[in-house]
Protein backbone atom coordinates (compact mmCIF):
# COMPACT_ATOMS: atom_id res chain seq x y z
CA MET A 1 1.09 167.83 160.84
CA ILE A 2 -1.65 167.13 158.29
CA ARG A 3 -1.91 164.30 155.79
CA VAL A 4 -2.23 165.33 152.14
CA ALA A 5 -2.63 163.38 148.93
CA ILE A 6 -2.43 164.27 145.24
CA ALA A 7 -4.91 162.79 142.77
CA GLY A 8 -3.46 162.91 139.28
CA GLY A 9 0.17 163.23 140.21
CA SER A 10 1.88 162.14 137.00
CA GLY A 11 1.48 165.44 135.10
CA TYR A 12 3.51 168.61 135.38
CA VAL A 13 1.25 170.30 137.95
CA GLY A 14 1.08 167.12 140.02
CA GLY A 15 4.87 166.92 139.97
CA GLU A 16 5.17 170.53 141.09
CA LEU A 17 2.70 169.96 143.91
CA LEU A 18 4.74 167.00 145.10
CA ARG A 19 8.01 168.95 144.88
CA LEU A 20 6.54 171.68 147.08
CA LEU A 21 4.69 169.47 149.54
CA LEU A 22 7.68 167.20 150.18
CA GLY A 23 9.47 170.26 151.55
CA HIS A 24 6.51 171.68 153.44
CA PRO A 25 7.12 171.55 157.21
CA GLU A 26 3.45 171.13 158.14
CA VAL A 27 2.39 168.28 155.85
CA GLU A 28 3.01 164.62 155.17
CA VAL A 29 2.35 163.38 151.63
CA VAL A 30 0.65 160.02 152.07
CA ALA A 31 -0.22 159.14 148.47
CA VAL A 32 0.03 160.20 144.83
CA THR A 33 -2.35 158.66 142.31
CA SER A 34 -2.03 157.74 138.66
CA GLU A 35 -4.11 155.14 136.90
CA ARG A 36 -1.72 154.55 134.02
CA ARG A 37 1.43 154.47 136.20
CA ALA A 38 0.12 152.69 139.28
CA GLY A 39 2.87 150.70 140.98
CA GLN A 40 5.70 152.77 139.50
CA TYR A 41 7.95 154.93 141.63
CA VAL A 42 6.96 158.59 141.52
CA ALA A 43 10.58 159.55 140.84
CA SER A 44 10.56 157.53 137.61
CA THR A 45 8.13 160.13 136.22
CA HIS A 46 9.50 163.14 138.13
CA PRO A 47 13.26 162.50 138.07
CA ASN A 48 14.00 165.76 139.91
CA LEU A 49 12.54 164.03 143.00
CA ARG A 50 15.09 161.18 143.04
CA GLY A 51 16.27 160.66 146.60
CA TRP A 52 13.50 162.84 148.03
CA THR A 53 10.69 160.29 148.10
CA ASP A 54 10.13 156.55 147.82
CA LEU A 55 6.42 156.92 147.09
CA ARG A 56 4.84 154.86 144.34
CA PHE A 57 1.80 155.85 142.33
CA VAL A 58 -1.44 154.19 143.43
CA PRO A 59 -4.83 154.08 141.71
CA LEU A 60 -7.45 156.47 143.02
CA ALA A 61 -9.41 153.56 144.46
CA GLU A 62 -6.51 152.87 146.88
CA LEU A 63 -6.20 156.43 148.17
CA PRO A 64 -5.70 156.33 151.97
CA GLU A 65 -7.37 158.65 154.45
CA CYS A 66 -6.10 162.21 154.26
CA ASP A 67 -6.90 165.71 155.51
CA VAL A 68 -6.50 167.58 152.22
CA LEU A 69 -6.81 166.24 148.70
CA PHE A 70 -5.17 168.09 145.83
CA THR A 71 -6.65 167.15 142.47
CA ALA A 72 -4.51 167.67 139.39
CA LEU A 73 -6.65 165.58 137.08
CA PRO A 74 -7.43 166.27 133.41
CA HIS A 75 -10.00 169.03 132.86
CA GLY A 76 -13.50 167.67 133.29
CA TYR A 77 -12.67 164.67 135.46
CA ALA A 78 -12.99 166.35 138.86
CA ALA A 79 -16.37 167.82 137.90
CA GLU A 80 -17.65 164.42 136.84
CA GLN A 81 -16.36 162.74 140.01
CA ILE A 82 -16.81 165.52 142.57
CA GLU A 83 -19.41 163.66 144.66
CA HIS A 84 -16.91 160.83 145.16
CA LEU A 85 -13.80 163.02 145.47
CA SER A 86 -15.43 165.13 148.16
CA THR A 87 -15.78 162.04 150.37
CA LEU A 88 -12.05 161.31 150.29
CA ALA A 89 -10.94 164.29 152.39
CA PRO A 90 -12.63 167.08 154.36
CA ARG A 91 -10.84 169.70 152.25
CA LEU A 92 -10.14 169.71 148.52
CA ILE A 93 -8.04 171.97 146.29
CA ASP A 94 -8.70 171.38 142.60
CA CYS A 95 -6.07 172.51 140.10
CA SER A 96 -8.15 171.92 136.97
CA ALA A 97 -10.48 174.40 135.27
CA ASP A 98 -13.59 172.61 136.53
CA PHE A 99 -14.61 174.92 139.38
CA ARG A 100 -13.00 178.26 138.51
CA LEU A 101 -16.17 179.84 137.18
CA ASP A 102 -19.06 180.48 139.52
CA ASP A 103 -21.74 180.45 136.83
CA ALA A 104 -22.92 177.46 134.80
CA ALA A 105 -23.93 179.65 131.85
CA ALA A 106 -20.44 181.16 131.68
CA TYR A 107 -18.93 177.67 131.81
CA ARG A 108 -21.15 176.60 128.92
CA GLU A 109 -20.17 179.69 126.91
CA TRP A 110 -16.42 179.34 127.36
CA TYR A 111 -16.01 175.55 127.55
CA GLY A 112 -18.64 174.59 125.01
CA ARG A 113 -20.42 172.02 127.18
CA GLU A 114 -22.72 171.73 130.16
CA HIS A 115 -21.04 171.59 133.55
CA PRO A 116 -21.39 168.07 135.00
CA ALA A 117 -22.05 169.35 138.54
CA PRO A 118 -23.36 172.93 138.39
CA GLU A 119 -24.62 172.79 141.98
CA TRP A 120 -20.99 172.57 143.12
CA LEU A 121 -19.78 175.74 141.43
CA GLY A 122 -20.87 177.98 144.30
CA ARG A 123 -19.13 175.79 146.89
CA PHE A 124 -15.63 176.53 145.57
CA ALA A 125 -13.68 179.66 146.45
CA TYR A 126 -11.65 181.00 143.53
CA GLY A 127 -8.05 180.28 144.49
CA LEU A 128 -6.22 183.56 143.82
CA PRO A 129 -5.19 184.86 147.27
CA GLU A 130 -4.42 188.38 146.09
CA ALA A 131 -8.04 188.78 144.98
CA ASN A 132 -9.96 186.36 147.22
CA ARG A 133 -7.97 185.82 150.40
CA GLU A 134 -10.74 185.91 153.01
CA ALA A 135 -12.99 183.50 151.12
CA ILE A 136 -10.10 181.05 150.77
CA ARG A 137 -9.40 181.17 154.51
CA GLU A 138 -12.93 179.97 155.27
CA ALA A 139 -13.33 177.51 152.40
CA ARG A 140 -13.49 173.72 152.38
CA TYR A 141 -13.19 173.65 148.59
CA VAL A 142 -10.86 175.86 146.58
CA SER A 143 -10.46 176.02 142.81
CA GLY A 144 -7.24 176.34 140.93
CA VAL A 145 -6.42 179.36 138.78
CA GLY A 146 -5.69 179.69 135.10
CA CYS A 147 -2.06 180.68 134.62
CA ASN A 148 -2.78 183.19 131.85
CA ALA A 149 -5.72 184.61 133.77
CA THR A 150 -3.54 185.01 136.86
CA ALA A 151 -0.93 187.00 134.94
CA VAL A 152 -3.60 189.32 133.54
CA ASN A 153 -5.43 189.62 136.86
CA LEU A 154 -2.31 190.55 138.79
CA ALA A 155 -1.22 193.05 136.12
CA LEU A 156 -4.57 194.86 136.19
CA LEU A 157 -5.75 194.46 139.79
CA PRO A 158 -4.27 197.72 141.15
CA LEU A 159 -5.70 199.78 138.27
CA VAL A 160 -9.15 198.21 138.58
CA ARG A 161 -9.31 198.58 142.37
CA ALA A 162 -8.35 202.23 142.09
CA GLY A 163 -11.01 202.84 139.43
CA LEU A 164 -8.47 204.30 137.02
CA LEU A 165 -9.46 202.58 133.77
CA ASP A 166 -11.68 204.19 131.14
CA PRO A 167 -14.68 201.83 130.82
CA ALA A 168 -15.36 203.09 127.29
CA ARG A 169 -11.99 201.90 125.98
CA PRO A 170 -10.96 198.28 125.31
CA ILE A 171 -8.66 196.17 127.48
CA VAL A 172 -6.56 193.77 125.43
CA ALA A 173 -4.07 191.37 127.01
CA ASP A 174 -1.37 189.68 124.96
CA VAL A 175 -0.02 186.70 126.91
CA LYS A 176 3.15 184.92 125.79
CA VAL A 177 3.46 181.41 127.17
CA GLY A 178 5.83 178.46 127.42
CA SER A 179 5.30 174.91 126.23
CA SER A 180 4.58 173.40 129.66
CA GLU A 181 1.13 175.01 129.48
CA GLY A 182 0.25 172.21 127.04
CA GLY A 183 0.77 169.51 129.68
CA ASP A 184 2.86 166.34 129.56
CA ARG A 185 1.00 164.60 126.72
CA ALA A 186 2.62 165.12 123.32
CA SER A 187 0.51 166.38 120.43
CA GLU A 188 1.10 167.42 116.85
CA SER A 189 1.54 171.05 117.89
CA SER A 190 3.87 170.21 120.81
CA HIS A 191 6.12 167.86 118.81
CA HIS A 192 9.59 169.36 119.20
CA PRO A 193 10.32 170.17 115.52
CA GLU A 194 6.92 171.90 115.32
CA ARG A 195 7.05 173.69 118.68
CA SER A 196 10.68 174.78 118.87
CA HIS A 197 11.54 178.37 117.88
CA VAL A 198 7.92 179.31 117.30
CA VAL A 199 6.13 182.56 117.99
CA ARG A 200 2.71 181.03 117.38
CA SER A 201 -0.51 182.88 118.00
CA PHE A 202 -2.60 179.87 118.98
CA ALA A 203 -5.55 181.70 120.58
CA PRO A 204 -5.85 185.22 119.12
CA THR A 205 -9.43 185.37 120.43
CA GLY A 206 -11.71 183.31 122.61
CA HIS A 207 -9.18 181.92 125.11
CA ARG A 208 -11.02 180.31 128.01
CA HIS A 209 -9.08 182.19 130.67
CA THR A 210 -10.82 185.36 129.49
CA ALA A 211 -13.81 184.26 131.58
CA GLU A 212 -11.72 184.21 134.76
CA VAL A 213 -10.41 187.72 134.19
CA ARG A 214 -13.92 189.03 133.65
CA GLN A 215 -15.17 187.22 136.75
CA VAL A 216 -12.36 188.36 139.05
CA LEU A 217 -11.97 191.95 137.86
CA GLY A 218 -15.44 192.71 136.52
CA VAL A 219 -14.07 194.23 133.31
CA ASP A 220 -14.58 193.30 129.66
CA ALA A 221 -11.00 192.27 128.95
CA GLU A 222 -9.97 190.30 125.86
CA LEU A 223 -7.05 187.85 125.74
CA SER A 224 -4.73 186.83 122.93
CA VAL A 225 -2.29 184.01 123.72
CA THR A 226 0.97 183.32 121.89
CA SER A 227 3.37 180.36 122.24
CA VAL A 228 7.03 181.34 122.46
CA GLU A 229 10.34 179.59 123.02
CA LEU A 230 9.98 178.87 126.74
CA VAL A 231 9.27 175.76 128.80
CA ARG A 232 8.10 177.57 131.93
CA GLY A 233 6.72 181.06 132.07
CA ALA A 234 4.01 183.48 131.07
CA LEU A 235 4.21 187.21 130.39
CA ALA A 236 1.04 189.28 130.20
CA THR A 237 1.27 192.60 128.34
CA VAL A 238 -2.07 194.30 128.93
CA HIS A 239 -3.11 197.40 126.98
CA ALA A 240 -5.70 199.64 128.62
CA TRP A 241 -6.62 203.33 128.82
CA LEU A 242 -6.77 205.58 131.86
CA ARG A 243 -9.71 207.82 132.67
CA GLU A 244 -7.29 210.72 132.97
CA PRO A 245 -3.52 211.17 132.51
CA LEU A 246 -1.37 210.03 135.43
CA GLU A 247 2.30 210.52 136.14
CA ASP A 248 4.63 207.64 136.80
CA ARG A 249 4.91 208.45 140.51
CA GLN A 250 1.12 208.24 140.83
CA LEU A 251 1.12 204.74 139.34
CA TRP A 252 3.87 203.74 141.78
CA LYS A 253 1.51 204.69 144.60
CA VAL A 254 -1.37 202.74 143.06
CA TYR A 255 0.66 199.54 142.71
CA ARG A 256 2.21 199.88 146.16
CA THR A 257 -1.22 200.35 147.73
CA THR A 258 -2.33 196.99 146.33
CA TYR A 259 0.86 194.96 146.64
CA SER A 260 3.06 196.34 149.42
CA ALA A 261 1.85 193.66 151.84
CA GLU A 262 1.62 190.80 149.33
CA PRO A 263 4.28 188.16 150.03
CA PHE A 264 4.60 186.93 146.44
CA VAL A 265 4.02 189.98 144.24
CA ARG A 266 7.02 192.19 143.45
CA ILE A 267 6.86 195.53 141.69
CA VAL A 268 9.46 195.67 138.93
CA HIS A 269 9.67 199.09 137.32
CA GLU A 270 13.29 200.14 136.92
CA LYS A 271 14.82 202.89 134.82
CA GLY A 272 17.53 200.73 133.27
CA GLY A 273 19.01 197.26 132.92
CA ASN A 274 18.02 194.06 131.15
CA TYR A 275 15.41 193.25 133.78
CA ARG A 276 13.80 196.66 134.21
CA HIS A 277 10.42 195.12 133.32
CA PRO A 278 8.92 191.81 134.50
CA GLU A 279 10.60 188.79 132.91
CA PRO A 280 9.43 185.18 133.42
CA LYS A 281 12.90 183.69 132.97
CA ILE A 282 14.09 184.71 136.44
CA LEU A 283 10.93 183.41 138.14
CA ALA A 284 11.27 179.76 137.11
CA GLY A 285 10.50 177.48 140.04
CA THR A 286 9.19 180.25 142.32
CA ASN A 287 5.77 181.37 143.49
CA ALA A 288 6.62 185.00 142.79
CA ALA A 289 4.85 187.23 140.29
CA ASP A 290 6.54 190.39 139.02
CA VAL A 291 4.30 193.27 137.98
CA GLY A 292 5.09 196.56 136.29
CA TRP A 293 3.78 199.10 133.83
CA SER A 294 4.57 201.73 131.24
CA VAL A 295 2.34 204.71 130.56
CA ASP A 296 2.07 206.86 127.44
CA PRO A 297 1.20 210.43 128.54
CA ARG A 298 0.26 211.33 124.95
CA THR A 299 -2.68 208.95 124.74
CA GLY A 300 -3.38 207.84 128.29
CA ARG A 301 -2.59 204.26 127.32
CA VAL A 302 -1.15 202.18 130.14
CA VAL A 303 0.63 198.89 129.48
CA ALA A 304 0.35 196.71 132.58
CA LEU A 305 2.80 193.82 132.85
CA CYS A 306 3.00 190.61 134.84
CA ALA A 307 5.47 187.72 134.62
CA LEU A 308 5.19 184.40 136.44
CA ASP A 309 6.01 180.71 136.28
CA ASN A 310 2.85 179.11 134.90
CA LEU A 311 3.41 175.87 136.84
CA MET A 312 3.99 177.72 140.11
CA LYS A 313 2.16 181.01 140.68
CA GLY A 314 -0.08 179.95 137.80
CA ALA A 315 -0.90 176.54 139.30
CA ALA A 316 0.82 174.47 142.01
CA GLY A 317 2.44 177.29 143.96
CA THR A 318 -0.79 179.21 144.35
CA ALA A 319 -2.55 175.97 145.36
CA VAL A 320 -0.05 175.49 148.21
CA GLN A 321 -0.47 179.16 149.14
CA CYS A 322 -4.20 178.44 149.44
CA LEU A 323 -3.44 175.40 151.61
CA ASN A 324 -1.53 177.68 153.97
CA LEU A 325 -4.40 180.15 154.14
CA MET A 326 -6.95 177.41 154.82
CA HIS A 327 -4.92 176.22 157.82
CA GLY A 328 -3.89 179.57 159.24
CA TRP A 329 -0.20 179.12 158.44
CA PRO A 330 2.03 181.93 157.12
CA GLU A 331 1.46 182.13 153.38
CA MET A 332 5.13 181.63 152.54
CA THR A 333 5.34 178.30 154.41
CA GLY A 334 6.96 175.80 152.07
CA LEU A 335 7.21 178.43 149.33
CA ARG A 336 10.37 180.35 150.20
CA LEU A 337 11.98 179.60 146.87
CA ILE A 338 14.40 181.90 145.09
CA GLY A 339 14.57 181.93 141.29
CA LEU A 340 17.63 180.81 139.35
CA HIS A 341 19.84 183.11 137.33
CA PRO A 342 21.05 182.39 134.74
CA VAL A 343 18.89 179.54 133.44
């Protein structure tokens, strides 16, 4: 059994990490940090954990020795403190955006500032197992993934690997997202009367997760992100064009070739029913991602779809999946969670 700790455990991703790790048969959670809530019981912030843990938050300075450190700190903090954080455990999994990009110039372009520790970018393996499994197995340092980027990457990965997309035509991903993407700190836009019942296009262009899609898939995709009436969940609807017309059965083969052995990706492409296409509602609390497609034989346009829980497959769940890979455990260890229906 290994000892793990969570730095920055008072937010939504930190709470999800703790929920998963408390039930993981191979780990012991030895500490959860929070500067502003030090001394308080973890369950006072994450009430779903009542009765499951008697841990209290501690400041980072009091973090005990551990084998793996998960960092769920605000964006920018891990990069500024990486020299210190790397001394706290031999392995580190960072859930922020700080080490997702492998190029300092790309970070500057998409985040509007210089990276505080550019020499560290190449030390982190990008933490999406479906696209980077072998590198994760061998890594000491693994980055988190952007939830919107993950939905787009998983929707498109089979088509890109098969070389089916027309490089002369645009790829545009519309991602609809829930309010938990905004984190646990209230803002003017997340105030309930302002956020409730919206369909708000808050990033029609220039969303930072675009950089991850381009890095992982090597295509010039564009993202538009829209807030909708959800707490958890993201749905990517990706419009692209095929090099040549394909029948539905051919696309079945393409998606099965990529995902038949993937433990957390399900192909959802039914002929009827309310849930014939991927739907984030039924994935809440799980590490599953549902992918599907629709193709227009008139134009060669393919609409690739992916639904997931942004706090799970888009953050904490994938981080625990990476933990399993790094230690040679079955990838589903601690992640055999079935979604709720109805919710």
